[in-house]
Amino acid sequence: MSTFRKLRQSVAQILTITRLSTAGPGWVKGGGLFAFLLAASLTQIYISTLFIDWNKDFYDALQKIEISETIRQTWIFLALTAASAGLYLCGEYVRKILLIFWRQRLNDKILDVWLDDKSYWRMQPGMGDLGIDNPDQRIAEDCRVFIEHLLEHTIDLITRVVGLFTYLTILWSLASFPLHFTLLDVGITVPYYLVWLAFLYVFGSSLMTHWLGAPLKGLLFMQQKREADYRFSLTRIRDWSDSIAMTGGEAAERKLLDERFDNILTNWRKVIKREFILGCFRRPYFQTVLQVPLFFALPMYLAGHVTFGGLMQVRSAFSRVVNSLSWFIFEYPKLADWVATTNRLTGFLDAADAVKSETEGIVTIETDDTALIATGLHIQTPTGRPLVLPSDFAIRKGEHIWLRGPSGSGKTTLLKVLAGLWTFGEGHLSRPANWSPFFVSQDPYFPLSGLLGAATYPFGPERYSVQQVAEGMQTIGLAHRADGLGVQTNDVVSGLSGGEKQRLAFLRMLISRPDWIFLDEATSALDREAEAELIALLLRSLPEATIIFVSHRAPLAGKRWREFDVGNATETTRIGETDK
């Protein structure tokens, strides 16, 4: 891809994310704050023109040794400095307000895309081409970084463009002196040579900057990814600390952390090497950009065309023109980081769009029938490997189904198909309209909202009274934990044993009363007697509910269970143990 096409693509991506951040309800507030920032920056340009005039007046007064005028110019300098500093502080305050405002809008849009229609599940790593890495970083970190760059670079660029025309007008009026020289015995005269020299000087420097710094974008993109991978590994240790500690896995975890940190170091060395190469040009340019104009303007002074104060005025105007034109050079590393961040956010949105627009695979429809009916199911892994699972079956409302089979045979995958999550394969699945399924896994998920929030998830504690939840805890054998309902932190939940967590998941079902219940090894941490008690309680409390129970061992409670042998894709009917 050519450099121009890459630039055009990057600009289009930036504009897309910018529209997500700024358009829609509330745009007037954001636009007003942005207008204030822009006005403050443009006012700074006006103040800088006053500084240009001040340079001539101050240095002329010094040359003429006019003490009173020198003192007056000193007070003018202090007044201009105070005005500039006050304007800067007000602008910074408003900028931070606008930053969090636009970041919140972008965050909301990204979360909507991620959570809508369960896109977050399809976008997991390992889900084929649709999977993305570290969505947490893209939402939390990349949204913040994008808005910071957006505010910084848009205000700066607009200010530089306006300032460029302002300073060019001043320089044009001051630099009318022509430059005369001879080349190959031909006399050449260049009027307004300082103006043309400014453009040539910065143009050549910009080309050199891009040539040296072009690899930075890809390196910074990779650095963000590897930093996120390392943070994810640290989070895994925190979340699985019990298992790691009990199995003595510290050495293995340390090895993994060292490997991921080594990846950070390897890429970081490439980043700093490239930044050093770029800095070998940028830093001398930065340090000389304010002094080079003085040498360029010397012919005017030596020819007697301007006074010493006039020379300093021309130097100041030329420096500001070059400084405005040098925006690309000064901001190149930040621009590369902005483009890398934009690429990550764009990749996130593209993956979400691909998930929503995907039409191939298992098709799920809603009908007026009360049954869950599968027709011609041929389930595959994301890589296309076929799974031996039932292809044609119907589950009627109120039935009790036992799914059994060896580990790895696809029992959990079949549940995901029934939930409408797993679409890899082909076939049709029709389910009742407005059904209310409830899925419970072997290791149930609990939100970071305390014991009350965990017991009432996903509906929230405001839907149920504390007394209702406490009575439910008494029923399922967690009465000794009921005191924790008033604790808002997640310490109580994290202190529950595996069996207690599974009991708490049963409490969720009892108080939410779903029509369809899917239990995926949901009693694996309980002994047989406790399992039978909870299943019996569930059947008594929700006699009309359809239950699909995945387990290696047969359910002891219940009158009649339809048995699916997932490994052999066969179906039988089994009489419950309690009826024998």
Protein backbone atom coordinates (compact mmCIF):
# COMPACT_ATOMS: atom_id res chain seq x y z
CA MET A 1 0.00 0.00 0.00
CA SER A 2 1.41 3.40 -0.99
CA THR A 3 2.22 6.06 1.60
CA PHE A 4 -0.63 8.25 0.32
CA ARG A 5 -3.18 5.43 0.57
CA LYS A 6 -2.03 4.59 4.09
CA LEU A 7 -2.37 8.24 5.07
CA ARG A 8 -5.85 8.46 3.56
CA GLN A 9 -6.90 5.26 5.34
CA SER A 10 -5.57 6.50 8.69
CA VAL A 11 -7.40 9.82 8.30
CA ALA A 12 -10.65 8.00 7.43
CA GLN A 13 -10.30 5.79 10.51
CA ILE A 14 -9.64 8.78 12.75
CA LEU A 15 -12.72 10.57 11.39
CA THR A 16 -14.86 7.47 12.02
CA ILE A 17 -13.85 7.22 15.68
CA THR A 18 -14.16 11.00 16.05
CA ARG A 19 -17.79 10.88 14.88
CA LEU A 20 -18.53 8.20 17.46
CA SER A 21 -17.06 10.47 20.15
CA THR A 22 -18.67 13.76 19.19
CA ALA A 23 -21.90 13.18 17.22
CA GLY A 24 -25.34 12.53 18.65
CA PRO A 25 -27.10 13.89 21.75
CA GLY A 26 -24.90 16.26 23.72
CA TRP A 27 -22.92 17.43 20.70
CA VAL A 28 -23.81 21.05 21.48
CA LYS A 29 -22.07 20.88 24.86
CA GLY A 30 -19.02 19.21 23.38
CA GLY A 31 -18.97 21.64 20.47
CA GLY A 32 -19.21 24.60 22.83
CA LEU A 33 -16.31 23.41 24.96
CA PHE A 34 -14.25 22.72 21.84
CA ALA A 35 -15.06 26.21 20.50
CA PHE A 36 -13.83 27.73 23.77
CA LEU A 37 -10.58 25.77 23.52
CA LEU A 38 -10.14 26.85 19.92
CA ALA A 39 -10.87 30.50 20.78
CA ALA A 40 -8.34 30.34 23.63
CA SER A 41 -5.71 28.91 21.30
CA LEU A 42 -6.39 31.53 18.62
CA THR A 43 -6.15 34.25 21.25
CA GLN A 44 -2.74 32.86 22.10
CA ILE A 45 -1.78 33.47 18.47
CA TYR A 46 -2.82 37.11 18.80
CA ILE A 47 -0.76 37.41 21.96
CA SER A 48 2.20 35.89 20.12
CA THR A 49 1.92 38.57 17.41
CA LEU A 50 2.12 41.15 20.17
CA PHE A 51 5.27 39.40 21.37
CA ILE A 52 6.70 39.75 17.84
CA ASP A 53 6.10 43.51 17.91
CA TRP A 54 7.48 43.61 21.44
CA ASN A 55 10.75 42.07 20.23
CA LYS A 56 11.40 45.01 17.90
CA ASP A 57 10.41 47.68 20.41
CA PHE A 58 12.37 46.13 23.28
CA TYR A 59 15.60 45.49 21.38
CA ASP A 60 15.48 48.90 19.65
CA ALA A 61 15.13 50.49 23.08
CA LEU A 62 18.15 48.48 24.27
CA GLN A 63 20.17 49.52 21.21
CA LYS A 64 19.33 53.18 21.80
CA ILE A 65 19.84 52.80 25.60
CA GLU A 66 16.41 54.30 26.33
CA ILE A 67 15.92 53.32 29.98
CA SER A 68 12.33 54.51 30.39
CA GLU A 69 11.20 52.74 27.20
CA THR A 70 13.05 49.57 28.26
CA ILE A 71 11.22 49.59 31.60
CA ARG A 72 7.88 50.17 29.85
CA GLN A 73 8.54 47.28 27.50
CA THR A 74 9.41 45.09 30.51
CA TRP A 75 5.98 45.79 32.02
CA ILE A 76 4.36 45.04 28.67
CA PHE A 77 6.22 41.72 28.62
CA LEU A 78 4.95 40.84 32.11
CA ALA A 79 1.36 41.74 31.14
CA LEU A 80 1.49 39.64 27.98
CA THR A 81 3.00 36.73 29.91
CA ALA A 82 0.28 36.93 32.60
CA ALA A 83 -2.46 36.99 29.96
CA SER A 84 -0.92 34.06 28.12
CA ALA A 85 -0.50 32.02 31.32
CA GLY A 86 -4.05 32.72 32.53
CA LEU A 87 -5.49 31.77 29.17
CA TYR A 88 -3.46 28.56 29.16
CA LEU A 89 -4.71 27.52 32.62
CA CYS A 90 -8.36 28.16 31.69
CA GLY A 91 -7.87 26.22 28.49
CA GLU A 92 -6.33 23.25 30.33
CA TYR A 93 -9.27 23.16 32.76
CA VAL A 94 -11.83 23.15 29.95
CA ARG A 95 -9.75 20.63 27.97
CA LYS A 96 -9.90 18.12 30.82
CA ILE A 97 -13.68 18.57 31.13
CA LEU A 98 -14.09 17.97 27.40
CA LEU A 99 -11.69 15.02 27.50
CA ILE A 100 -13.75 13.08 30.04
CA PHE A 101 -17.01 14.12 28.32
CA TRP A 102 -15.96 12.80 24.91
CA ARG A 103 -14.25 9.79 26.44
CA GLN A 104 -17.51 8.87 28.19
CA ARG A 105 -19.40 9.12 24.89
CA LEU A 106 -16.85 6.96 23.06
CA ASN A 107 -16.77 4.51 25.95
CA ASP A 108 -20.57 4.20 25.86
CA LYS A 109 -20.61 3.63 22.10
CA ILE A 110 -17.87 0.99 22.28
CA LEU A 111 -19.60 -0.80 25.19
CA ASP A 112 -22.90 -0.80 23.29
CA VAL A 113 -21.22 -2.39 20.28
CA TRP A 114 -19.36 -4.92 22.44
CA LEU A 115 -22.29 -6.03 24.61
CA ASP A 116 -25.05 -5.83 21.98
CA ASP A 117 -26.33 -9.18 20.73
CA LYS A 118 -23.59 -10.95 22.74
CA SER A 119 -20.88 -9.74 20.37
CA TYR A 120 -18.33 -9.89 23.21
CA TRP A 121 -18.70 -13.68 23.26
CA ARG A 122 -18.10 -14.08 19.52
CA MET A 123 -15.14 -11.69 19.69
CA GLN A 124 -13.20 -13.85 22.15
CA PRO A 125 -9.75 -15.08 21.09
CA GLY A 126 -10.09 -18.56 19.62
CA MET A 127 -13.36 -17.79 17.85
CA GLY A 128 -11.83 -17.91 14.40
CA ASP A 129 -11.22 -14.75 12.41
CA LEU A 130 -13.65 -12.77 14.55
CA GLY A 131 -11.66 -13.05 17.78
CA ILE A 132 -9.67 -10.05 19.03
CA ASP A 133 -7.08 -9.76 21.76
CA ASN A 134 -7.41 -7.73 24.95
CA PRO A 135 -10.81 -6.02 24.48
CA ASP A 136 -10.43 -4.57 27.99
CA GLN A 137 -7.41 -2.55 26.87
CA ARG A 138 -9.14 -1.35 23.73
CA ILE A 139 -12.11 -0.10 25.75
CA ALA A 140 -10.39 1.31 28.83
CA GLU A 141 -6.99 2.42 27.53
CA ASP A 142 -7.39 3.05 23.81
CA CYS A 143 -10.55 5.15 24.20
CA ARG A 144 -8.74 7.44 26.67
CA VAL A 145 -5.60 7.71 24.54
CA PHE A 146 -7.61 8.42 21.38
CA ILE A 147 -9.53 11.32 22.95
CA GLU A 148 -6.33 12.77 24.44
CA HIS A 149 -4.69 12.75 21.02
CA LEU A 150 -7.86 14.03 19.33
CA LEU A 151 -8.02 17.12 21.53
CA GLU A 152 -4.32 17.78 21.46
CA HIS A 153 -3.75 17.39 17.73
CA THR A 154 -6.95 18.94 16.35
CA ILE A 155 -6.63 22.10 18.44
CA ASP A 156 -2.92 22.26 17.74
CA LEU A 157 -3.32 21.70 14.00
CA ILE A 158 -6.06 24.32 13.58
CA THR A 159 -4.06 26.76 15.67
CA ARG A 160 -0.92 26.08 13.63
CA VAL A 161 -2.75 26.61 10.33
CA VAL A 162 -4.32 29.90 11.47
CA GLY A 163 -1.04 30.95 13.03
CA LEU A 164 0.83 30.06 9.86
CA PHE A 165 -1.19 32.51 7.75
CA THR A 166 -0.92 35.14 10.46
CA TYR A 167 2.85 34.82 10.78
CA LEU A 168 3.31 34.53 7.01
CA THR A 169 1.55 37.87 6.58
CA ILE A 170 3.88 39.44 9.10
CA LEU A 171 6.98 37.79 7.60
CA TRP A 172 5.95 38.83 4.08
CA SER A 173 5.70 42.44 5.18
CA LEU A 174 9.08 42.30 6.94
CA ALA A 175 11.09 40.18 4.50
CA SER A 176 10.75 42.18 1.30
CA PHE A 177 14.55 42.30 0.98
CA PRO A 178 15.63 40.20 -2.08
CA LEU A 179 18.53 37.77 -2.03
CA HIS A 180 21.08 38.14 -4.84
CA PHE A 181 23.56 35.40 -5.73
CA THR A 182 25.33 33.91 -8.76
CA LEU A 183 24.96 30.29 -9.90
CA LEU A 184 26.91 29.02 -12.95
CA ASP A 185 27.68 32.60 -13.96
CA VAL A 186 23.99 33.43 -13.90
CA GLY A 187 22.79 36.16 -11.58
CA ILE A 188 19.74 35.12 -9.59
CA THR A 189 17.46 37.30 -7.51
CA VAL A 190 14.97 35.76 -5.07
CA PRO A 191 12.45 38.27 -3.68
CA TYR A 192 11.01 37.47 -0.25
CA TYR A 193 13.61 34.73 0.02
CA LEU A 194 12.93 34.12 3.71
CA VAL A 195 9.34 33.06 2.95
CA TRP A 196 10.37 30.49 0.34
CA LEU A 197 13.28 29.33 2.45
CA ALA A 198 10.95 28.56 5.37
CA PHE A 199 8.83 26.24 3.22
CA LEU A 200 11.81 24.49 1.62
CA TYR A 201 13.53 24.04 4.96
CA VAL A 202 10.50 22.44 6.64
CA PHE A 203 9.45 20.37 3.60
CA GLY A 204 12.82 18.66 3.37
CA SER A 205 12.89 18.11 7.12
CA SER A 206 9.37 16.57 7.06
CA LEU A 207 10.34 14.09 4.39
CA MET A 208 13.38 13.06 6.40
CA THR A 209 11.25 12.70 9.56
CA HIS A 210 8.72 10.40 7.88
CA TRP A 211 11.43 8.30 6.25
CA LEU A 212 13.16 7.74 9.59
CA GLY A 213 10.01 7.32 11.70
CA ALA A 214 7.63 5.31 9.48
CA PRO A 215 8.27 1.97 11.30
CA LEU A 216 7.18 3.52 14.62
CA LYS A 217 3.45 3.02 14.01
CA GLY A 218 3.69 -0.76 13.77
CA LEU A 219 6.12 -0.97 16.69
CA LEU A 220 3.86 1.12 18.94
CA PHE A 221 0.84 -0.98 17.93
CA MET A 222 2.72 -4.13 18.95
CA GLN A 223 3.92 -2.51 22.19
CA GLN A 224 0.34 -1.78 23.24
CA LYS A 225 -0.64 -5.38 22.51
CA ARG A 226 2.24 -6.90 24.47
CA GLU A 227 1.66 -4.60 27.44
CA ALA A 228 -1.99 -5.71 27.45
CA ASP A 229 -0.98 -9.39 27.24
CA TYR A 230 1.25 -8.95 30.27
CA ARG A 231 -1.49 -7.24 32.29
CA PHE A 232 -3.88 -10.03 31.35
CA SER A 233 -1.45 -12.65 32.68
CA LEU A 234 -1.15 -10.77 35.98
CA THR A 235 -4.94 -10.60 36.23
CA ARG A 236 -5.19 -14.34 35.65
CA ILE A 237 -2.96 -15.01 38.65
CA ARG A 238 -5.15 -12.80 40.80
CA ASP A 239 -8.35 -14.51 39.64
CA TRP A 240 -6.96 -18.05 39.99
CA SER A 241 -4.77 -17.53 43.05
CA ASP A 242 -6.32 -20.43 44.99
CA SER A 243 -5.72 -23.00 42.24
CA ILE A 244 -2.21 -21.75 41.55
CA ALA A 245 -1.28 -21.74 45.23
CA MET A 246 -2.68 -25.20 45.92
CA THR A 247 -0.96 -26.76 42.90
CA GLY A 248 2.33 -24.98 43.52
CA GLY A 249 2.24 -23.34 40.11
CA GLU A 250 4.27 -20.27 41.04
CA ALA A 251 7.30 -21.34 38.99
CA ALA A 252 5.19 -22.02 35.90
CA GLU A 253 3.37 -18.71 36.27
CA ARG A 254 6.66 -16.86 36.78
CA LYS A 255 8.02 -18.47 33.62
CA LEU A 256 4.97 -17.31 31.66
CA LEU A 257 5.21 -13.80 33.11
CA ASP A 258 8.91 -13.65 32.29
CA GLU A 259 8.19 -14.74 28.71
CA ARG A 260 5.53 -12.08 28.25
CA PHE A 261 7.69 -9.41 29.84
CA ASP A 262 10.57 -10.47 27.59
CA ASN A 263 8.23 -9.84 24.66
CA ILE A 264 7.70 -6.32 26.03
CA LEU A 265 11.44 -5.80 26.36
CA THR A 266 12.19 -7.12 22.87
CA ASN A 267 9.67 -4.83 21.22
CA TRP A 268 10.62 -1.92 23.51
CA ARG A 269 14.22 -2.16 22.37
CA LYS A 270 13.01 -1.90 18.78
CA VAL A 271 10.89 1.13 19.73
CA ILE A 272 13.70 3.00 21.46
CA LYS A 273 16.13 2.13 18.68
CA ARG A 274 13.78 3.60 16.10
CA GLU A 275 13.07 6.62 18.34
CA PHE A 276 16.83 7.12 18.74
CA ILE A 277 17.33 7.04 14.98
CA LEU A 278 14.48 9.51 14.54
CA GLY A 279 15.78 11.61 17.42
CA CYS A 280 19.18 11.94 15.76
CA PHE A 281 17.41 14.18 13.26
CA ARG A 282 14.51 15.60 15.31
CA ARG A 283 16.49 16.75 18.33
CA PRO A 284 19.09 18.83 16.43
CA TYR A 285 16.22 20.22 14.34
CA PHE A 286 14.29 21.13 17.49
CA GLN A 287 17.28 22.80 19.14
CA THR A 288 18.28 24.83 16.08
CA VAL A 289 14.85 25.77 14.74
CA LEU A 290 14.82 28.98 16.83
CA GLN A 291 18.40 29.95 15.94
CA VAL A 292 18.58 29.04 12.24
CA PRO A 293 16.23 31.93 11.30
CA LEU A 294 18.78 34.37 12.72
CA PHE A 295 21.44 33.10 10.31
CA PHE A 296 18.98 33.09 7.41
CA ALA A 297 18.05 36.72 8.12
CA LEU A 298 21.65 37.96 8.54
CA PRO A 299 21.96 39.09 4.88
CA MET A 300 19.19 41.63 5.54
CA TYR A 301 20.94 42.99 8.60
CA LEU A 302 24.44 43.01 7.10
CA ALA A 303 23.10 44.86 4.04
CA GLY A 304 21.73 47.53 6.39
CA HIS A 305 18.15 46.84 5.38
CA VAL A 306 16.94 46.43 9.01
CA THR A 307 17.98 47.60 12.44
CA PHE A 308 19.04 45.17 15.17
CA GLY A 309 15.53 45.33 16.58
CA GLY A 310 14.16 44.72 13.09
CA LEU A 311 16.48 41.69 12.77
CA MET A 312 15.10 40.25 16.00
CA GLN A 313 11.55 40.93 14.79
CA VAL A 314 12.23 39.14 11.49
CA ARG A 315 13.87 36.29 13.41
CA SER A 316 10.81 35.97 15.66
CA ALA A 317 8.36 35.98 12.71
CA PHE A 318 10.45 33.49 10.71
CA SER A 319 10.79 31.21 13.76
CA ARG A 320 7.03 31.16 14.27
CA VAL A 321 6.41 30.37 10.60
CA VAL A 322 8.91 27.50 10.73
CA ASN A 323 7.49 26.34 14.06
CA SER A 324 3.96 26.25 12.59
CA LEU A 325 5.13 24.37 9.52
CA SER A 326 7.10 21.94 11.70
CA TRP A 327 4.00 20.56 13.44
CA PHE A 328 4.34 17.24 11.63
CA ILE A 329 8.00 16.92 12.66
CA PHE A 330 7.49 17.83 16.31
CA GLU A 331 4.41 15.64 16.74
CA TYR A 332 5.48 12.63 14.68
CA PRO A 333 5.93 10.12 17.57
CA LYS A 334 2.59 11.17 19.07
CA LEU A 335 0.89 10.95 15.68
CA ALA A 336 2.30 7.45 15.22
CA ASP A 337 0.89 6.47 18.62
CA TRP A 338 -2.48 8.03 17.71
CA VAL A 339 -2.64 6.08 14.45
CA ALA A 340 -1.70 2.84 16.26
CA THR A 341 -4.46 3.44 18.84
CA THR A 342 -6.94 4.24 16.06
CA ASN A 343 -6.04 1.01 14.27
CA ARG A 344 -6.78 -0.99 17.41
CA LEU A 345 -10.17 0.70 17.93
CA THR A 346 -11.03 0.32 14.26
CA GLY A 347 -10.11 -3.37 14.39
CA PHE A 348 -12.42 -3.74 17.40
CA LEU A 349 -15.34 -2.09 15.59
CA ASP A 350 -14.71 -4.03 12.39
CA ALA A 351 -14.78 -7.32 14.34
CA ALA A 352 -18.06 -6.31 16.01
CA ASP A 353 -19.59 -5.40 12.64
CA ALA A 354 -18.43 -8.72 11.19
CA VAL A 355 -20.11 -10.59 14.05
CA LYS A 356 -23.42 -8.79 13.49
CA SER A 357 -23.36 -9.16 9.72
CA GLU A 358 -22.42 -12.83 9.69
CA THR A 359 -25.13 -14.83 7.94
CA GLU A 360 -23.51 -18.26 7.61
CA GLY A 361 -23.72 -20.99 10.21
CA ILE A 362 -26.49 -22.29 12.43
CA VAL A 363 -29.62 -20.15 12.11
CA THR A 364 -31.75 -19.49 15.20
CA ILE A 365 -35.33 -18.28 14.81
CA GLU A 366 -38.18 -17.63 17.23
CA THR A 367 -41.60 -19.21 16.70
CA ASP A 368 -44.97 -19.42 18.44
CA ASP A 369 -44.27 -23.05 19.32
CA THR A 370 -43.47 -23.80 22.96
CA ALA A 371 -40.78 -26.33 22.03
CA LEU A 372 -37.08 -26.01 21.27
CA ILE A 373 -36.61 -27.78 17.91
CA ALA A 374 -33.32 -28.57 16.16
CA THR A 375 -33.32 -29.53 12.50
CA GLY A 376 -30.32 -30.73 10.52
CA LEU A 377 -27.74 -29.58 13.05
CA HIS A 378 -24.15 -30.22 12.06
CA ILE A 379 -22.01 -28.55 14.71
CA GLN A 380 -18.37 -27.69 14.14
CA THR A 381 -15.47 -26.13 15.99
CA PRO A 382 -14.32 -22.62 14.93
CA THR A 383 -11.64 -24.35 12.83
CA GLY A 384 -14.23 -26.46 10.99
CA ARG A 385 -13.77 -29.80 12.76
CA PRO A 386 -17.15 -31.60 12.97
CA LEU A 387 -18.54 -32.64 16.37
CA VAL A 388 -20.63 -35.78 16.88
CA LEU A 389 -23.74 -34.27 18.48
CA PRO A 390 -27.52 -34.80 18.09
CA SER A 391 -28.72 -33.27 14.83
CA ASP A 392 -32.52 -33.55 14.97
CA PHE A 393 -34.45 -33.35 18.23
CA ALA A 394 -37.19 -31.46 20.03
CA ILE A 395 -37.39 -30.43 23.68
CA ARG A 396 -40.93 -29.76 24.82
CA LYS A 397 -41.87 -27.27 27.48
CA GLY A 398 -41.73 -28.80 30.95
CA GLU A 399 -39.45 -31.71 29.95
CA HIS A 400 -36.40 -32.76 31.94
CA ILE A 401 -33.36 -33.66 29.84
CA TRP A 402 -30.14 -35.30 31.02
CA LEU A 403 -27.18 -34.75 28.69
CA ARG A 404 -24.35 -37.14 29.36
CA GLY A 405 -21.18 -38.11 27.58
CA PRO A 406 -17.42 -38.30 28.03
CA SER A 407 -15.37 -35.18 28.65
CA GLY A 408 -14.70 -33.27 25.47
CA SER A 409 -17.64 -34.79 23.61
CA GLY A 410 -19.32 -31.39 23.17
CA LYS A 411 -21.96 -31.24 25.91
CA THR A 412 -21.20 -27.61 26.78
CA THR A 413 -20.95 -26.75 23.09
CA LEU A 414 -24.45 -28.15 22.54
CA LEU A 415 -25.76 -25.91 25.33
CA LYS A 416 -24.13 -22.92 23.63
CA VAL A 417 -25.87 -23.89 20.41
CA LEU A 418 -29.21 -24.02 22.20
CA ALA A 419 -28.47 -20.61 23.73
CA GLY A 420 -27.90 -19.18 20.25
CA LEU A 421 -24.25 -18.40 20.93
CA TRP A 422 -22.47 -21.11 18.97
CA THR A 423 -23.19 -20.71 15.26
CA PHE A 424 -20.28 -22.70 13.84
CA GLY A 425 -21.79 -25.35 11.58
CA GLU A 426 -25.11 -25.52 9.78
CA GLY A 427 -28.76 -26.28 10.49
CA HIS A 428 -31.74 -24.57 12.07
CA LEU A 429 -32.81 -24.04 15.64
CA SER A 430 -36.29 -22.74 16.47
CA ARG A 431 -37.11 -21.68 19.99
CA PRO A 432 -40.16 -20.17 21.71
CA ALA A 433 -40.67 -16.45 21.30
CA ASN A 434 -39.88 -14.38 24.41
CA TRP A 435 -38.39 -17.34 26.22
CA SER A 436 -36.48 -16.70 29.44
CA PRO A 437 -33.56 -19.16 29.60
CA PHE A 438 -31.27 -19.38 32.60
CA PHE A 439 -27.80 -20.90 32.19
CA VAL A 440 -25.68 -22.04 35.12
CA SER A 441 -22.13 -23.26 34.54
CA GLN A 442 -19.85 -25.40 36.66
CA ASP A 443 -18.04 -22.29 37.86
CA PRO A 444 -20.83 -19.69 38.05
CA TYR A 445 -20.04 -16.05 37.38
CA PHE A 446 -20.57 -13.46 40.10
CA PRO A 447 -20.49 -9.68 39.50
CA LEU A 448 -18.44 -7.28 41.62
CA SER A 449 -21.49 -6.10 43.58
CA GLY A 450 -21.45 -8.00 46.86
CA LEU A 451 -23.41 -11.04 47.98
CA LEU A 452 -26.81 -9.44 47.35
CA GLY A 453 -25.83 -8.50 43.80
CA ALA A 454 -24.45 -12.01 43.21
CA ALA A 455 -27.66 -13.65 44.43
CA THR A 456 -29.90 -11.49 42.22
CA TYR A 457 -27.72 -11.41 39.08
CA PRO A 458 -28.47 -10.59 36.28
CA PHE A 459 -31.59 -8.63 37.28
CA GLY A 460 -30.09 -6.64 40.16
CA PRO A 461 -30.90 -6.32 43.88
CA GLU A 462 -33.47 -3.54 43.33
CA ARG A 463 -35.88 -6.13 41.92
CA TYR A 464 -35.98 -8.21 45.11
CA SER A 465 -36.16 -7.46 48.82
CA VAL A 466 -33.33 -8.43 51.15
CA GLN A 467 -35.82 -10.48 53.15
CA GLN A 468 -36.79 -12.46 50.05
CA VAL A 469 -33.16 -13.24 49.29
CA ALA A 470 -32.42 -14.12 52.91
CA GLU A 471 -35.33 -16.59 52.95
CA GLY A 472 -34.04 -18.13 49.75
CA MET A 473 -30.59 -18.55 51.30
CA GLN A 474 -32.21 -20.37 54.19
CA THR A 475 -33.96 -22.71 51.75
CA ILE A 476 -30.82 -23.66 49.81
CA GLY A 477 -28.62 -24.18 52.86
CA LEU A 478 -26.76 -20.85 52.97
CA ALA A 479 -28.41 -19.39 56.07
CA HIS A 480 -25.00 -19.01 57.72
CA ARG A 481 -23.99 -16.62 54.93
CA ALA A 482 -27.07 -14.39 55.08
CA ASP A 483 -25.30 -11.81 57.26
CA GLY A 484 -23.16 -10.93 54.25
CA LEU A 485 -26.13 -9.55 52.31
CA GLY A 486 -25.46 -6.11 53.80
CA VAL A 487 -21.82 -6.07 52.70
CA GLN A 488 -21.26 -4.15 49.46
CA THR A 489 -17.77 -5.44 48.70
CA ASN A 490 -17.03 -8.71 46.92
CA ASP A 491 -15.06 -10.20 49.83
CA VAL A 492 -17.99 -12.37 50.98
CA VAL A 493 -18.50 -13.91 47.53
CA SER A 494 -14.79 -14.57 47.00
CA GLY A 495 -14.74 -16.41 50.35
CA LEU A 496 -17.43 -18.91 49.33
CA SER A 497 -16.46 -22.51 48.69
CA GLY A 498 -17.17 -24.15 45.33
CA GLY A 499 -20.25 -25.89 46.68
CA GLU A 500 -21.56 -22.68 48.26
CA LYS A 501 -21.15 -20.84 44.96
CA GLN A 502 -23.17 -23.52 43.21
CA ARG A 503 -25.88 -23.28 45.87
CA LEU A 504 -25.95 -19.52 45.36
CA ALA A 505 -26.47 -20.09 41.64
CA PHE A 506 -29.49 -22.25 42.46
CA LEU A 507 -30.82 -19.39 44.57
CA ARG A 508 -30.72 -17.18 41.48
CA MET A 509 -32.97 -19.63 39.66
CA LEU A 510 -35.41 -19.92 42.54
CA ILE A 511 -35.97 -16.17 42.86
CA SER A 512 -35.94 -15.36 39.11
CA ARG A 513 -38.19 -18.33 38.20
CA PRO A 514 -37.12 -18.89 34.55
CA ASP A 515 -39.07 -21.05 32.09
CA TRP A 516 -36.00 -22.80 30.67
CA ILE A 517 -33.05 -23.90 32.82
CA PHE A 518 -29.71 -25.14 31.51
CA LEU A 519 -27.40 -26.67 34.11
CA ASP A 520 -23.85 -27.35 32.91
CA GLU A 521 -22.17 -29.48 35.62
CA ALA A 522 -23.86 -27.05 38.02
CA THR A 523 -23.69 -29.51 40.95
CA SER A 524 -20.18 -30.91 40.40
CA ALA A 525 -18.88 -29.45 43.68
CA LEU A 526 -21.71 -31.02 45.74
CA ASP A 527 -22.01 -34.54 47.09
CA ARG A 528 -24.75 -36.80 45.73
CA GLU A 529 -27.12 -36.18 48.61
CA ALA A 530 -26.81 -32.39 48.39
CA GLU A 531 -27.20 -32.55 44.62
CA ALA A 532 -30.40 -34.60 44.93
CA GLU A 533 -31.80 -32.15 47.50
CA LEU A 534 -31.15 -29.12 45.29
CA ILE A 535 -32.54 -30.76 42.15
CA ALA A 536 -35.64 -31.88 44.06
CA LEU A 537 -36.05 -28.35 45.45
CA LEU A 538 -35.76 -26.94 41.95
CA LEU A 539 -38.39 -29.37 40.59
CA ARG A 540 -40.81 -28.55 43.42
CA SER A 541 -40.35 -24.80 43.15
CA LEU A 542 -40.48 -24.63 39.35
CA PRO A 543 -42.68 -27.55 38.27
CA GLU A 544 -43.42 -26.04 34.83
CA ALA A 545 -39.82 -25.23 33.95
CA THR A 546 -37.91 -27.11 31.26
CA ILE A 547 -34.59 -28.37 32.62
CA ILE A 548 -31.59 -29.49 30.58
CA PHE A 549 -29.08 -31.03 32.97
CA VAL A 550 -25.50 -31.72 31.87
CA SER A 551 -23.68 -34.10 34.16
CA HIS A 552 -21.43 -37.14 34.17
CA ARG A 553 -23.60 -38.74 36.83
CA ALA A 554 -27.31 -39.47 36.62
CA PRO A 555 -29.73 -37.15 38.45
CA LEU A 556 -31.20 -38.80 41.56
CA ALA A 557 -34.29 -36.62 41.80
CA GLY A 558 -37.23 -36.45 39.43
CA LYS A 559 -39.71 -38.89 37.99
CA ARG A 560 -38.64 -39.15 34.37
CA TRP A 561 -35.59 -37.83 32.51
CA ARG A 562 -34.99 -38.00 28.78
CA GLU A 563 -31.42 -39.07 28.36
CA PHE A 564 -29.18 -37.86 25.54
CA ASP A 565 -25.88 -39.67 25.12
CA VAL A 566 -23.94 -36.87 23.45
CA GLY A 567 -20.96 -39.03 22.57
CA ASN A 568 -23.14 -41.48 20.63
CA ALA A 569 -25.80 -38.97 19.58
CA THR A 570 -28.52 -41.30 20.92
CA GLU A 571 -31.57 -40.74 23.05
CA THR A 572 -33.26 -42.92 25.71
CA THR A 573 -35.75 -42.42 28.48
CA ARG A 574 -34.62 -43.00 32.03
CA ILE A 575 -36.67 -43.47 35.21
CA GLY A 576 -35.42 -41.34 38.12
CA GLU A 577 -33.70 -43.08 41.02
CA THR A 578 -36.31 -41.77 43.43
CA ASP A 579 -39.02 -43.75 41.61
CA LYS A 580 -37.30 -47.11 41.83
